[in-house]
């Protein structure tokens, strides 16, 4: 007589990710500064998580936050009033974006501050504007 027991079955219940208050709060402040309406594009970035790229309705300023997963990014958007998700970058959304000179300098990094050599900053006129 063999003593066989039924294999234990475990039911995995995935917890809904809860975004941190800091991420939700900063996005709420951004949306409020942009007149109460903004658009978000959720962009998976691999191991780093998901970038929530924000485009303001009033000034078109760019903002972004990174969260761990797509589910968490969707939970953030659901908690922020006035924030809607766009499926992709389209012509209308791209035309709405306003990139500040400080953003160009930040993204250019060390290239923006070099005085000679290769590579030269391609956005030099924007970076030099102060």
N, C-alpha and C. Protein backbone atom coordinates (compact mmCIF):
# COMPACT_ATOMS: atom_id res chain seq x y z
N UNK A 1 0.82 -1.16 0.00
CA UNK A 1 0.00 0.00 0.00
C UNK A 1 0.88 1.24 0.00
N UNK A 2 0.68 2.07 -0.96
CA UNK A 2 1.49 3.27 -1.04
C UNK A 2 0.75 4.44 -0.41
N UNK A 3 1.54 5.22 0.27
CA UNK A 3 0.96 6.37 0.95
C UNK A 3 1.15 7.59 0.05
N UNK A 4 0.22 7.77 -0.85
CA UNK A 4 0.30 8.90 -1.75
C UNK A 4 -0.67 9.98 -1.29
N UNK A 5 -0.13 11.13 -1.18
CA UNK A 5 -0.99 12.25 -0.82
C UNK A 5 -1.15 13.13 -2.04
N UNK A 6 -2.23 13.78 -2.11
CA UNK A 6 -2.48 14.67 -3.24
C UNK A 6 -1.49 15.83 -3.17
N UNK A 7 -0.94 16.18 -4.31
CA UNK A 7 0.00 17.31 -4.30
C UNK A 7 -0.70 18.59 -3.83
N UNK A 8 0.04 19.34 -3.08
CA UNK A 8 -0.51 20.59 -2.57
C UNK A 8 -0.66 21.57 -3.72
N UNK A 9 -1.82 22.11 -3.82
CA UNK A 9 -2.04 23.12 -4.85
C UNK A 9 -2.06 24.49 -4.20
N UNK A 10 -1.25 25.33 -4.74
CA UNK A 10 -1.19 26.68 -4.21
C UNK A 10 -1.83 27.63 -5.21
N UNK A 11 -2.64 28.47 -4.72
CA UNK A 11 -3.22 29.46 -5.59
C UNK A 11 -2.46 30.75 -5.40
N UNK A 12 -1.86 31.19 -6.45
CA UNK A 12 -1.07 32.42 -6.39
C UNK A 12 -1.99 33.61 -6.63
N UNK A 13 -1.99 34.48 -5.69
CA UNK A 13 -2.77 35.70 -5.82
C UNK A 13 -1.78 36.86 -5.90
N UNK A 14 -1.77 37.48 -7.06
CA UNK A 14 -0.85 38.59 -7.23
C UNK A 14 -1.44 39.84 -6.62
N UNK A 15 -0.62 40.50 -5.84
CA UNK A 15 -1.06 41.73 -5.21
C UNK A 15 -1.02 42.87 -6.21
N UNK A 16 -2.01 43.71 -6.14
CA UNK A 16 -2.01 44.89 -7.00
C UNK A 16 -0.93 45.83 -6.50
N UNK A 17 -0.04 46.26 -7.38
CA UNK A 17 1.04 47.13 -6.93
C UNK A 17 0.49 48.46 -6.44
N UNK A 18 1.05 48.92 -5.36
CA UNK A 18 0.63 50.22 -4.85
C UNK A 18 1.78 51.20 -5.05
N UNK A 19 1.57 52.20 -5.87
CA UNK A 19 2.63 53.17 -6.13
C UNK A 19 2.94 53.99 -4.89
N UNK A 20 4.16 54.44 -4.81
CA UNK A 20 4.56 55.22 -3.65
C UNK A 20 3.87 56.59 -3.67
N UNK A 21 3.67 57.12 -2.50
CA UNK A 21 3.02 58.42 -2.37
C UNK A 21 3.85 59.52 -3.03
N UNK A 22 5.17 59.37 -3.02
CA UNK A 22 6.03 60.37 -3.63
C UNK A 22 5.82 60.48 -5.13
N UNK A 23 5.68 59.34 -5.80
CA UNK A 23 5.47 59.35 -7.25
C UNK A 23 4.11 59.95 -7.56
N UNK A 24 3.08 59.49 -6.87
CA UNK A 24 1.73 60.00 -7.13
C UNK A 24 1.65 61.49 -6.80
N UNK A 25 2.23 61.90 -5.70
CA UNK A 25 2.21 63.31 -5.30
C UNK A 25 2.92 64.21 -6.29
N UNK A 26 4.07 63.78 -6.78
CA UNK A 26 4.82 64.61 -7.72
C UNK A 26 4.07 64.73 -9.04
N UNK A 27 3.42 63.68 -9.48
CA UNK A 27 2.65 63.75 -10.72
C UNK A 27 1.41 64.61 -10.53
N UNK A 28 0.78 64.54 -9.37
CA UNK A 28 -0.36 65.42 -9.10
C UNK A 28 0.06 66.88 -9.14
N UNK A 29 1.21 67.20 -8.55
CA UNK A 29 1.70 68.59 -8.58
C UNK A 29 2.00 69.03 -10.01
N UNK A 30 2.58 68.14 -10.80
CA UNK A 30 2.88 68.45 -12.20
C UNK A 30 1.59 68.75 -12.96
N UNK A 31 0.59 67.88 -12.80
CA UNK A 31 -0.69 68.07 -13.51
C UNK A 31 -1.35 69.38 -13.07
N UNK A 32 -1.30 69.69 -11.78
CA UNK A 32 -1.87 70.95 -11.29
C UNK A 32 -1.16 72.15 -11.90
N UNK A 33 0.16 72.09 -12.01
CA UNK A 33 0.94 73.19 -12.60
C UNK A 33 0.65 73.36 -14.08
N UNK A 34 0.20 72.30 -14.73
CA UNK A 34 -0.11 72.34 -16.16
C UNK A 34 -1.60 72.59 -16.41
N UNK A 35 -2.27 73.19 -15.45
CA UNK A 35 -3.67 73.56 -15.64
C UNK A 35 -4.67 72.46 -15.35
N UNK A 36 -4.24 71.39 -14.69
CA UNK A 36 -5.15 70.32 -14.31
C UNK A 36 -5.36 69.24 -15.34
N UNK A 37 -4.61 69.28 -16.44
CA UNK A 37 -4.74 68.25 -17.47
C UNK A 37 -3.37 67.96 -18.09
N UNK A 38 -3.09 66.68 -18.25
CA UNK A 38 -1.84 66.24 -18.88
C UNK A 38 -2.05 64.90 -19.53
N UNK A 39 -1.12 64.54 -20.37
CA UNK A 39 -1.15 63.25 -21.05
C UNK A 39 0.06 62.45 -20.60
N UNK A 40 -0.14 61.15 -20.42
CA UNK A 40 0.95 60.26 -20.03
C UNK A 40 1.13 59.19 -21.09
N UNK A 41 2.39 58.88 -21.36
CA UNK A 41 2.72 57.75 -22.23
C UNK A 41 3.52 56.78 -21.37
N UNK A 42 3.08 55.53 -21.32
CA UNK A 42 3.75 54.51 -20.53
C UNK A 42 4.73 53.77 -21.43
N UNK A 43 6.01 53.85 -21.10
CA UNK A 43 7.06 53.29 -21.94
C UNK A 43 7.92 52.31 -21.16
N UNK A 44 7.75 51.00 -21.39
CA UNK A 44 8.60 50.03 -20.72
C UNK A 44 10.07 50.25 -21.07
N UNK A 45 10.94 50.19 -20.06
CA UNK A 45 12.37 50.42 -20.27
C UNK A 45 13.20 49.21 -19.88
N UNK A 46 12.61 48.04 -19.89
CA UNK A 46 13.35 46.83 -19.55
C UNK A 46 13.44 46.63 -18.05
N UNK A 47 14.61 46.26 -17.59
CA UNK A 47 14.82 45.95 -16.17
C UNK A 47 14.55 47.16 -15.28
N UNK A 48 14.79 48.35 -15.79
CA UNK A 48 14.60 49.57 -15.00
C UNK A 48 13.15 49.81 -14.63
N UNK A 49 12.22 49.29 -15.39
CA UNK A 49 10.80 49.46 -15.09
C UNK A 49 10.05 50.10 -16.23
N UNK A 50 9.16 51.02 -15.89
CA UNK A 50 8.33 51.69 -16.88
C UNK A 50 8.43 53.19 -16.66
N UNK A 51 8.75 53.91 -17.72
CA UNK A 51 8.82 55.38 -17.64
C UNK A 51 7.44 55.93 -17.94
N UNK A 52 6.96 56.78 -17.05
CA UNK A 52 5.72 57.51 -17.27
C UNK A 52 6.14 58.89 -17.78
N UNK A 53 6.02 59.09 -19.09
CA UNK A 53 6.38 60.38 -19.68
C UNK A 53 5.14 61.26 -19.66
N UNK A 54 5.29 62.47 -19.13
CA UNK A 54 4.18 63.39 -18.97
C UNK A 54 4.32 64.56 -19.94
N UNK A 55 3.22 64.94 -20.56
CA UNK A 55 3.17 66.10 -21.43
C UNK A 55 2.05 66.99 -20.93
N UNK A 56 2.39 68.19 -20.50
CA UNK A 56 1.41 69.09 -19.93
C UNK A 56 0.50 69.71 -20.97
N UNK A 57 -0.75 69.89 -20.60
CA UNK A 57 -1.73 70.47 -21.51
C UNK A 57 -1.52 71.97 -21.69
N UNK A 58 -1.18 72.68 -20.64
CA UNK A 58 -1.07 74.14 -20.67
C UNK A 58 0.20 74.61 -21.38
N UNK A 59 1.35 74.13 -20.94
CA UNK A 59 2.63 74.60 -21.48
C UNK A 59 3.35 73.57 -22.33
N UNK A 60 2.90 72.33 -22.32
CA UNK A 60 3.56 71.28 -23.10
C UNK A 60 4.89 70.83 -22.53
N UNK A 61 5.16 71.18 -21.27
CA UNK A 61 6.43 70.80 -20.67
C UNK A 61 6.50 69.30 -20.44
N UNK A 62 7.69 68.75 -20.62
CA UNK A 62 7.92 67.32 -20.40
C UNK A 62 8.24 67.05 -18.94
N UNK A 63 7.78 65.93 -18.46
CA UNK A 63 8.14 65.44 -17.14
C UNK A 63 8.16 63.93 -17.21
N UNK A 64 8.80 63.29 -16.26
CA UNK A 64 8.75 61.84 -16.26
C UNK A 64 9.04 61.29 -14.87
N UNK A 65 8.55 60.11 -14.64
CA UNK A 65 8.82 59.34 -13.44
C UNK A 65 8.97 57.89 -13.88
N UNK A 66 9.72 57.12 -13.13
CA UNK A 66 9.92 55.70 -13.45
C UNK A 66 9.39 54.88 -12.28
N UNK A 67 8.60 53.86 -12.62
CA UNK A 67 8.07 52.93 -11.62
C UNK A 67 8.48 51.52 -12.02
N UNK A 68 8.24 50.57 -11.12
CA UNK A 68 8.76 49.21 -11.30
C UNK A 68 8.07 48.40 -12.40
N UNK A 69 6.77 48.60 -12.61
CA UNK A 69 6.06 47.74 -13.56
C UNK A 69 4.96 48.50 -14.29
N UNK A 70 4.44 47.88 -15.34
CA UNK A 70 3.35 48.47 -16.10
C UNK A 70 2.09 48.56 -15.25
N UNK A 71 1.83 47.55 -14.43
CA UNK A 71 0.67 47.59 -13.54
C UNK A 71 0.76 48.75 -12.57
N UNK A 72 1.95 49.00 -12.05
CA UNK A 72 2.13 50.12 -11.13
C UNK A 72 1.95 51.45 -11.86
N UNK A 73 2.43 51.54 -13.08
CA UNK A 73 2.27 52.77 -13.87
C UNK A 73 0.78 53.05 -14.11
N UNK A 74 0.03 52.01 -14.44
CA UNK A 74 -1.41 52.19 -14.65
C UNK A 74 -2.11 52.58 -13.35
N UNK A 75 -1.65 52.04 -12.23
CA UNK A 75 -2.22 52.41 -10.93
C UNK A 75 -1.95 53.87 -10.60
N UNK A 76 -0.77 54.37 -10.97
CA UNK A 76 -0.45 55.78 -10.76
C UNK A 76 -1.40 56.65 -11.56
N UNK A 77 -1.57 56.35 -12.84
CA UNK A 77 -2.44 57.14 -13.70
C UNK A 77 -3.88 57.13 -13.17
N UNK A 78 -4.32 56.00 -12.67
CA UNK A 78 -5.68 55.89 -12.14
C UNK A 78 -5.88 56.77 -10.91
N UNK A 79 -4.82 57.06 -10.17
CA UNK A 79 -4.93 57.86 -8.95
C UNK A 79 -4.82 59.35 -9.18
N UNK A 80 -4.43 59.77 -10.37
CA UNK A 80 -4.22 61.19 -10.64
C UNK A 80 -5.34 61.71 -11.53
N UNK A 81 -6.12 62.63 -10.98
CA UNK A 81 -7.21 63.23 -11.74
C UNK A 81 -6.64 64.19 -12.79
N UNK A 82 -7.20 64.13 -13.99
CA UNK A 82 -6.75 65.01 -15.07
C UNK A 82 -5.64 64.43 -15.90
N UNK A 83 -5.23 63.21 -15.61
CA UNK A 83 -4.15 62.56 -16.36
C UNK A 83 -4.74 61.46 -17.23
N UNK A 84 -4.50 61.54 -18.52
CA UNK A 84 -5.00 60.51 -19.43
C UNK A 84 -3.83 59.83 -20.12
N UNK A 85 -4.04 58.59 -20.54
CA UNK A 85 -2.98 57.81 -21.20
C UNK A 85 -3.13 57.92 -22.71
N UNK A 86 -2.03 58.20 -23.38
CA UNK A 86 -1.98 58.16 -24.84
C UNK A 86 -1.32 56.83 -25.23
N UNK A 87 -1.78 56.25 -26.31
CA UNK A 87 -1.24 54.97 -26.75
C UNK A 87 0.17 55.08 -27.32
N UNK A 88 0.44 56.18 -27.99
CA UNK A 88 1.73 56.34 -28.63
C UNK A 88 1.99 57.82 -28.91
N UNK A 89 3.23 58.09 -29.31
CA UNK A 89 3.59 59.44 -29.74
C UNK A 89 3.00 59.64 -31.13
N UNK A 90 2.07 60.57 -31.27
CA UNK A 90 1.54 60.89 -32.58
C UNK A 90 1.87 62.35 -32.90
N UNK A 91 1.50 62.81 -34.06
CA UNK A 91 1.84 64.16 -34.50
C UNK A 91 1.27 65.22 -33.56
N UNK A 92 0.02 65.06 -33.16
CA UNK A 92 -0.63 66.04 -32.28
C UNK A 92 0.09 66.16 -30.93
N UNK A 93 0.44 65.02 -30.35
CA UNK A 93 1.11 65.02 -29.06
C UNK A 93 2.53 65.56 -29.17
N UNK A 94 3.23 65.18 -30.21
CA UNK A 94 4.60 65.66 -30.43
C UNK A 94 4.62 67.17 -30.62
N UNK A 95 3.65 67.71 -31.35
CA UNK A 95 3.59 69.15 -31.57
C UNK A 95 3.27 69.93 -30.30
N UNK A 96 2.66 69.29 -29.34
CA UNK A 96 2.29 69.95 -28.09
C UNK A 96 3.50 70.13 -27.16
N UNK A 97 4.54 69.33 -27.35
CA UNK A 97 5.69 69.31 -26.44
C UNK A 97 6.54 70.57 -26.61
N UNK A 98 6.91 71.17 -25.48
CA UNK A 98 7.83 72.29 -25.43
C UNK A 98 9.03 71.85 -24.62
N UNK A 99 10.20 71.90 -25.22
CA UNK A 99 11.41 71.46 -24.53
C UNK A 99 12.19 72.69 -24.09
N UNK A 100 12.35 72.84 -22.80
CA UNK A 100 13.05 73.99 -22.23
C UNK A 100 14.56 73.86 -22.45
N UNK A 101 15.28 74.98 -22.55
CA UNK A 101 16.74 74.93 -22.72
C UNK A 101 17.43 74.14 -21.60
N UNK A 102 16.91 74.22 -20.38
CA UNK A 102 17.52 73.48 -19.28
C UNK A 102 17.41 71.97 -19.51
N UNK A 103 16.33 71.55 -20.16
CA UNK A 103 16.16 70.12 -20.45
C UNK A 103 17.19 69.67 -21.49
N UNK A 104 17.43 70.51 -22.51
CA UNK A 104 18.44 70.18 -23.51
C UNK A 104 19.81 70.03 -22.84
N UNK A 105 20.16 70.98 -21.95
CA UNK A 105 21.46 70.92 -21.27
C UNK A 105 21.57 69.65 -20.44
N UNK A 106 20.52 69.31 -19.73
CA UNK A 106 20.54 68.12 -18.87
C UNK A 106 20.74 66.86 -19.71
N UNK A 107 20.03 66.76 -20.83
CA UNK A 107 20.10 65.56 -21.65
C UNK A 107 21.43 65.49 -22.42
N UNK A 108 22.03 66.63 -22.73
CA UNK A 108 23.30 66.63 -23.47
C UNK A 108 24.47 66.23 -22.58
N UNK A 109 24.34 66.43 -21.27
CA UNK A 109 25.38 66.02 -20.33
C UNK A 109 26.70 66.70 -20.60
N UNK A 110 27.77 65.93 -20.54
CA UNK A 110 29.12 66.49 -20.69
C UNK A 110 29.35 67.10 -22.06
N UNK A 111 28.66 66.62 -23.08
CA UNK A 111 28.86 67.11 -24.43
C UNK A 111 28.50 68.59 -24.53
N UNK A 112 27.51 69.02 -23.75
CA UNK A 112 27.06 70.41 -23.82
C UNK A 112 28.10 71.39 -23.31
N UNK A 113 29.02 70.93 -22.48
CA UNK A 113 29.97 71.83 -21.83
C UNK A 113 31.39 71.75 -22.40
N UNK A 114 31.62 70.95 -23.42
CA UNK A 114 32.97 70.86 -23.96
C UNK A 114 33.27 72.05 -24.85
N UNK A 115 34.55 72.39 -24.94
CA UNK A 115 34.94 73.55 -25.72
C UNK A 115 35.60 73.17 -27.04
N UNK A 116 36.14 71.97 -27.14
CA UNK A 116 36.75 71.54 -28.39
C UNK A 116 36.67 70.03 -28.50
N UNK A 117 36.96 69.53 -29.69
CA UNK A 117 36.99 68.09 -29.89
C UNK A 117 35.68 67.52 -30.39
N UNK A 118 35.67 66.23 -30.52
CA UNK A 118 34.52 65.51 -31.03
C UNK A 118 33.90 64.72 -29.90
N UNK A 119 32.65 64.53 -29.79
CA UNK A 119 31.59 65.11 -30.61
C UNK A 119 31.14 66.46 -30.07
N UNK A 120 30.70 67.30 -30.95
CA UNK A 120 30.16 68.61 -30.55
C UNK A 120 28.66 68.45 -30.31
N UNK A 121 28.15 69.26 -29.44
CA UNK A 121 26.71 69.20 -29.14
C UNK A 121 25.92 69.62 -30.38
N UNK A 122 24.99 68.78 -30.81
CA UNK A 122 24.19 69.09 -31.98
C UNK A 122 23.15 70.17 -31.67
N UNK A 123 22.82 70.31 -30.41
CA UNK A 123 21.83 71.29 -30.01
C UNK A 123 22.51 72.51 -29.37
N UNK A 124 23.70 72.83 -29.84
CA UNK A 124 24.53 73.85 -29.24
C UNK A 124 23.83 75.21 -29.10
N UNK A 125 23.11 75.65 -30.11
CA UNK A 125 22.43 76.95 -30.04
C UNK A 125 21.40 76.96 -28.93
N UNK A 126 20.72 75.86 -28.73
CA UNK A 126 19.73 75.78 -27.65
C UNK A 126 20.45 75.70 -26.30
N UNK A 127 21.51 74.94 -26.23
CA UNK A 127 22.24 74.77 -24.97
C UNK A 127 22.91 76.06 -24.54
N UNK A 128 23.45 76.82 -25.50
CA UNK A 128 24.13 78.06 -25.18
C UNK A 128 23.17 79.18 -24.79
N UNK A 129 21.89 79.02 -25.12
CA UNK A 129 20.89 80.02 -24.76
C UNK A 129 20.68 79.99 -23.26
N UNK A 130 20.85 81.09 -22.61
CA UNK A 130 20.67 81.12 -21.15
C UNK A 130 19.92 82.29 -20.75
